[in-house]
Amino acid sequence: MTTLIAQDLQPDVDLALRAVDAGLAVVRGADDRAVLRLKGPNDLVTAVDLATEDAVVRTLRAGSALPVQGEEGSPGEAAADRWVVDPIDGTANFVAGLPLVACTLARVVDGEPVVGVTADVTTGEVVWASRGAGTWRRTDGGDVRVSTHGGPLDSLTVTVGDLSWTSVGPWPLDARAAVLREVAATVGKVRVVGTSATELAWVATGRTSASIAFGNAAWDVVAGVVLVREAGGVVLDARGEPWSLASDSILAAATPQIAEAMVAAVARGLAVTG
């Protein structure tokens, strides 16, 4: 049991950690990556997504009366106070056998995320955060506090994604590609990873220094918002406005200065595409 957090959130953190462990046990033990159906173009669902979400949700409901917004089973749940679950963030990676997959969940209060947990499916690493208590990485020797990491722009590694023929709406493919070009001209290295939850956890743990995602599905990002904020980072939308669940994008950065540089790169990319 964790002991370094505000008493009112202690039960939520402990429940979230139990729930993500239940999800990890299912997805890490799976040997079937077959696609059951498509929710939309290139939007995959596997039996493991469903089984993992079921394990997480059952654990949450055993310890909490709050509603659960799960990507697969209850995506439309929008109660101001709720749990938010993505059983497998990076399903396309999972199906392809790429080791970049996360199980992630968060507690939302009055529309703001206050507890977040993200687990790396491949390594089993769990990173968690609670409002006002920092961000922590679970290890065999106990929880270790982590923080964001900045530096000169030309030395940074950042993530930008995804880019696909399915990219439409406010962030069509041409706009995403133009933003990627401008970010690549600003920083040391750019990576396209395919799981927003992992990318935000990387910013929080100092592995990368910024992340831009052209979307804002609650189950993909709300846990990461808590992780980054509590690790000392900045969370905005890609245009530099305050982030909220109504945003159409998310930009996380280790420092305000890096956030400013990323917002400027986005603006230059959007100017190119009109």
Protein backbone atom coordinates (compact mmCIF):
# COMPACT_ATOMS: atom_id res chain seq x y z
CA MET A 1 0.00 0.00 0.00
CA THR A 2 1.24 3.47 -0.80
CA THR A 3 1.55 5.88 2.12
CA LEU A 4 2.87 9.18 0.78
CA ILE A 5 -0.34 10.68 -0.61
CA ALA A 6 -3.28 12.74 0.52
CA GLN A 7 -5.55 10.67 2.72
CA ASP A 8 -8.66 11.34 0.62
CA LEU A 9 -6.99 9.84 -2.48
CA GLN A 10 -5.25 6.94 -0.74
CA PRO A 11 -8.06 4.43 -1.41
CA ASP A 12 -8.28 5.48 -5.07
CA VAL A 13 -4.54 5.03 -5.63
CA ASP A 14 -4.52 1.64 -3.98
CA LEU A 15 -7.57 0.52 -5.97
CA ALA A 16 -6.09 1.82 -9.22
CA LEU A 17 -2.88 -0.11 -8.62
CA ARG A 18 -4.81 -3.31 -7.93
CA ALA A 19 -6.89 -2.78 -11.06
CA VAL A 20 -3.90 -2.21 -13.34
CA ASP A 21 -2.25 -5.31 -11.91
CA ALA A 22 -5.38 -7.29 -12.79
CA GLY A 23 -5.23 -5.94 -16.32
CA LEU A 24 -1.53 -6.66 -16.67
CA ALA A 25 -2.04 -10.25 -15.61
CA VAL A 26 -4.51 -10.78 -18.45
CA VAL A 27 -2.70 -9.02 -21.27
CA ARG A 28 0.77 -10.29 -20.37
CA GLY A 29 -0.56 -13.85 -20.25
CA ALA A 30 -2.32 -13.64 -23.61
CA ASP A 31 -1.14 -15.69 -26.56
CA ASP A 32 -3.82 -14.66 -29.06
CA ARG A 33 -3.42 -11.34 -30.87
CA ALA A 34 -6.15 -11.89 -33.46
CA VAL A 35 -8.35 -8.94 -34.43
CA LEU A 36 -12.03 -9.47 -33.62
CA ARG A 37 -13.41 -6.42 -35.38
CA LEU A 38 -12.78 -2.83 -36.43
CA LYS A 39 -14.38 0.06 -34.57
CA GLY A 40 -13.45 2.31 -37.47
CA PRO A 41 -10.78 2.57 -40.15
CA ASN A 42 -7.60 1.00 -38.78
CA ASP A 43 -9.10 1.00 -35.24
CA LEU A 44 -8.61 -2.55 -33.99
CA VAL A 45 -10.27 -4.57 -31.22
CA THR A 46 -8.93 -7.91 -29.99
CA ALA A 47 -10.30 -10.45 -27.55
CA VAL A 48 -7.45 -9.46 -25.24
CA ASP A 49 -8.66 -5.82 -25.20
CA LEU A 50 -12.06 -7.04 -24.02
CA ALA A 51 -10.74 -9.51 -21.46
CA THR A 52 -8.27 -7.00 -20.05
CA GLU A 53 -10.88 -4.29 -19.72
CA ASP A 54 -13.22 -6.76 -18.02
CA ALA A 55 -10.56 -7.63 -15.43
CA VAL A 56 -9.79 -3.96 -14.74
CA VAL A 57 -13.43 -2.93 -14.51
CA ARG A 58 -14.38 -5.85 -12.25
CA THR A 59 -11.58 -4.85 -9.87
CA LEU A 60 -12.65 -1.21 -9.88
CA ARG A 61 -16.31 -2.08 -9.28
CA ALA A 62 -15.39 -4.38 -6.40
CA GLY A 63 -13.85 -1.40 -4.62
CA SER A 64 -15.79 1.62 -5.88
CA ALA A 65 -19.34 2.62 -6.75
CA LEU A 66 -18.22 5.15 -9.36
CA PRO A 67 -19.09 4.64 -13.03
CA VAL A 68 -16.35 3.44 -15.37
CA GLN A 69 -15.58 4.84 -18.80
CA GLY A 70 -13.87 2.01 -20.65
CA GLU A 71 -12.69 2.40 -24.21
CA GLU A 72 -14.22 -0.89 -25.31
CA GLY A 73 -17.30 -1.34 -23.14
CA SER A 74 -18.51 2.11 -22.09
CA PRO A 75 -16.78 4.83 -24.12
CA GLY A 76 -19.72 7.21 -23.81
CA GLU A 77 -19.68 7.38 -20.02
CA ALA A 78 -19.15 11.04 -19.12
CA ALA A 79 -19.94 11.40 -15.43
CA ALA A 80 -17.91 14.18 -13.84
CA ASP A 81 -16.66 11.72 -11.21
CA ARG A 82 -15.58 8.44 -12.79
CA TRP A 83 -12.86 5.95 -13.57
CA VAL A 84 -11.38 5.98 -17.07
CA VAL A 85 -9.79 2.83 -18.50
CA ASP A 86 -7.83 1.93 -21.61
CA PRO A 87 -7.04 -1.78 -21.32
CA ILE A 88 -4.55 -1.81 -24.20
CA ASP A 89 -3.28 1.51 -25.46
CA GLY A 90 -1.40 0.71 -28.64
CA THR A 91 -3.59 -2.13 -29.91
CA ALA A 92 -2.07 -1.89 -33.40
CA ASN A 93 1.35 -2.34 -31.79
CA PHE A 94 0.02 -5.27 -29.77
CA VAL A 95 -1.39 -7.00 -32.84
CA ALA A 96 1.87 -6.48 -34.71
CA GLY A 97 3.93 -7.80 -31.81
CA LEU A 98 5.64 -4.47 -31.21
CA PRO A 99 6.67 -4.04 -27.54
CA LEU A 100 5.08 -0.61 -27.09
CA VAL A 101 1.80 -1.25 -25.33
CA ALA A 102 0.28 0.17 -22.13
CA CYS A 103 -2.54 -0.55 -19.73
CA THR A 104 -3.71 2.73 -18.26
CA LEU A 105 -6.43 4.08 -15.99
CA ALA A 106 -7.30 7.22 -14.08
CA ARG A 107 -9.68 8.67 -11.53
CA VAL A 108 -11.48 11.85 -12.63
CA VAL A 109 -13.07 14.27 -10.16
CA ASP A 110 -15.24 17.13 -11.42
CA GLY A 111 -13.85 16.50 -14.90
CA GLU A 112 -10.19 16.74 -13.80
CA PRO A 113 -7.88 13.74 -13.52
CA VAL A 114 -6.50 13.35 -9.99
CA VAL A 115 -5.04 9.83 -9.96
CA GLY A 116 -3.28 8.14 -12.86
CA VAL A 117 -1.61 4.77 -13.37
CA THR A 118 0.11 3.55 -16.53
CA ALA A 119 1.71 0.13 -16.85
CA ASP A 120 4.13 -0.97 -19.56
CA VAL A 121 2.78 -4.30 -20.76
CA THR A 122 6.14 -5.57 -22.02
CA THR A 123 8.25 -4.79 -18.95
CA GLY A 124 5.55 -4.68 -16.29
CA GLU A 125 6.77 -1.28 -15.10
CA VAL A 126 4.07 0.73 -13.33
CA VAL A 127 4.13 4.52 -13.01
CA TRP A 128 1.53 6.22 -10.85
CA ALA A 129 0.68 9.69 -9.61
CA SER A 130 -1.78 11.36 -7.30
CA ARG A 131 -2.68 15.02 -7.15
CA GLY A 132 -0.30 16.87 -4.86
CA ALA A 133 1.87 13.83 -4.17
CA GLY A 134 4.24 13.56 -7.12
CA THR A 135 4.84 10.81 -9.66
CA TRP A 136 6.29 7.46 -8.70
CA ARG A 137 7.73 4.40 -10.44
CA ARG A 138 7.11 1.10 -8.76
CA THR A 139 10.20 -1.07 -8.21
CA ASP A 140 10.94 -4.26 -6.27
CA GLY A 141 12.64 -2.12 -3.66
CA GLY A 142 9.72 0.28 -3.27
CA ASP A 143 8.33 3.29 -5.06
CA VAL A 144 10.86 5.71 -6.54
CA ARG A 145 9.88 9.31 -7.21
CA VAL A 146 10.45 10.49 -10.79
CA SER A 147 10.47 13.86 -12.52
CA THR A 148 10.56 15.39 -15.96
CA HIS A 149 13.88 16.16 -17.66
CA GLY A 150 14.67 19.16 -19.86
CA GLY A 151 17.77 20.52 -21.54
CA PRO A 152 18.86 22.37 -24.68
CA LEU A 153 16.34 21.95 -27.49
CA ASP A 154 18.81 20.37 -29.88
CA SER A 155 19.55 17.62 -27.34
CA LEU A 156 15.96 16.58 -26.66
CA THR A 157 14.08 13.48 -27.71
CA VAL A 158 10.34 14.04 -28.18
CA THR A 159 7.42 12.03 -29.53
CA VAL A 160 4.84 13.06 -32.12
CA GLY A 161 2.03 10.90 -33.39
CA ASP A 162 0.24 9.26 -34.98
CA LEU A 163 0.33 9.82 -38.75
CA SER A 164 -1.95 7.75 -40.98
CA TRP A 165 -4.19 7.89 -44.04
CA THR A 166 -7.02 7.76 -41.48
CA SER A 167 -5.98 11.12 -39.96
CA VAL A 168 -8.89 13.51 -40.49
CA GLY A 169 -10.83 16.21 -38.65
CA PRO A 170 -8.97 19.14 -37.11
CA TRP A 171 -5.63 17.34 -37.57
CA PRO A 172 -5.54 15.83 -41.07
CA LEU A 173 -2.48 13.98 -42.32
CA ASP A 174 -0.92 16.98 -44.08
CA ALA A 175 -1.12 19.10 -40.92
CA ARG A 176 0.37 16.32 -38.79
CA ALA A 177 3.20 15.77 -41.23
CA ALA A 178 3.95 19.50 -41.34
CA VAL A 179 4.03 19.69 -37.54
CA LEU A 180 6.32 16.66 -37.42
CA ARG A 181 8.67 18.38 -39.87
CA GLU A 182 8.82 21.54 -37.77
CA VAL A 183 9.36 19.64 -34.52
CA ALA A 184 12.13 17.60 -36.16
CA ALA A 185 13.81 20.85 -37.18
CA THR A 186 13.65 22.09 -33.58
CA VAL A 187 14.80 19.21 -31.38
CA GLY A 188 17.43 16.50 -31.36
CA LYS A 189 15.34 13.43 -32.15
CA VAL A 190 11.68 12.64 -32.88
CA ARG A 191 9.99 9.29 -32.29
CA VAL A 192 6.54 8.08 -33.40
CA VAL A 193 5.48 5.48 -30.85
CA GLY A 194 1.80 4.58 -31.27
CA THR A 195 0.63 4.77 -27.65
CA SER A 196 -0.19 8.11 -26.08
CA ALA A 197 -0.24 6.64 -22.58
CA THR A 198 3.33 5.41 -22.95
CA GLU A 199 4.49 8.70 -24.46
CA LEU A 200 3.08 10.71 -21.56
CA ALA A 201 4.60 8.30 -19.04
CA TRP A 202 7.97 8.77 -20.77
CA VAL A 203 7.74 12.54 -20.35
CA ALA A 204 6.82 12.09 -16.69
CA THR A 205 9.76 9.76 -16.03
CA GLY A 206 12.27 11.92 -17.91
CA ARG A 207 12.88 9.49 -20.75
CA THR A 208 11.63 12.04 -23.28
CA SER A 209 11.12 15.77 -22.89
CA ALA A 210 7.89 16.41 -24.80
CA SER A 211 5.00 14.67 -26.51
CA ILE A 212 2.39 15.90 -28.97
CA ALA A 213 -0.70 13.82 -29.71
CA PHE A 214 -3.28 14.80 -32.33
CA GLY A 215 -6.27 13.59 -30.35
CA ASN A 216 -7.62 13.65 -26.83
CA ALA A 217 -9.66 10.53 -26.09
CA ALA A 218 -9.97 10.46 -22.32
CA TRP A 219 -8.86 6.84 -21.99
CA ASP A 220 -5.64 7.55 -23.90
CA VAL A 221 -4.44 10.59 -21.97
CA VAL A 222 -6.03 11.33 -18.59
CA ALA A 223 -3.68 9.12 -16.58
CA GLY A 224 -0.73 10.68 -18.38
CA VAL A 225 -1.96 14.18 -17.57
CA VAL A 226 -1.63 13.41 -13.86
CA LEU A 227 1.74 11.72 -14.35
CA VAL A 228 3.24 14.68 -16.21
CA ARG A 229 1.79 17.39 -13.99
CA GLU A 230 2.87 15.69 -10.77
CA ALA A 231 6.35 15.07 -12.20
CA GLY A 232 6.79 18.82 -12.69
CA GLY A 233 5.81 19.06 -16.35
CA VAL A 234 3.39 21.17 -18.37
CA VAL A 235 0.22 19.96 -20.11
CA LEU A 236 -1.47 22.07 -22.81
CA ASP A 237 -3.21 21.42 -26.09
CA ALA A 238 -1.11 21.48 -29.25
CA ARG A 239 -1.97 25.13 -29.93
CA GLY A 240 -0.80 26.21 -26.47
CA GLU A 241 -4.20 26.58 -24.84
CA PRO A 242 -4.98 25.07 -21.43
CA TRP A 243 -5.66 21.35 -21.72
CA SER A 244 -9.09 19.95 -20.87
CA LEU A 245 -11.15 16.91 -21.75
CA ALA A 246 -12.74 19.04 -24.48
CA SER A 247 -9.38 19.70 -26.20
CA ASP A 248 -8.69 18.22 -29.64
CA SER A 249 -5.03 17.48 -28.86
CA ILE A 250 -2.51 17.29 -26.07
CA LEU A 251 1.02 18.61 -25.65
CA ALA A 252 3.09 17.58 -22.65
CA ALA A 253 6.52 19.00 -21.93
CA ALA A 254 9.16 18.80 -19.25
CA THR A 255 9.38 22.58 -18.80
CA PRO A 256 7.47 25.70 -19.82
CA GLN A 257 10.31 26.65 -22.15
CA ILE A 258 10.12 23.34 -24.01
CA ALA A 259 6.34 23.64 -24.17
CA GLU A 260 6.71 27.10 -25.71
CA ALA A 261 9.10 25.76 -28.36
CA MET A 262 6.75 22.88 -29.21
CA VAL A 263 3.75 25.20 -29.51
CA ALA A 264 5.77 27.43 -31.85
CA ALA A 265 6.68 24.42 -33.99
CA VAL A 266 3.02 23.41 -34.20
CA ALA A 267 2.08 26.94 -35.24
CA ARG A 268 4.69 26.93 -38.01
CA GLY A 269 3.44 23.59 -39.28
CA LEU A 270 -0.15 24.76 -39.32
CA ALA A 271 0.85 27.94 -41.14
CA VAL A 272 2.37 25.86 -43.94
CA THR A 273 -0.82 23.86 -44.48
CA GLY A 274 -3.19 26.78 -43.99
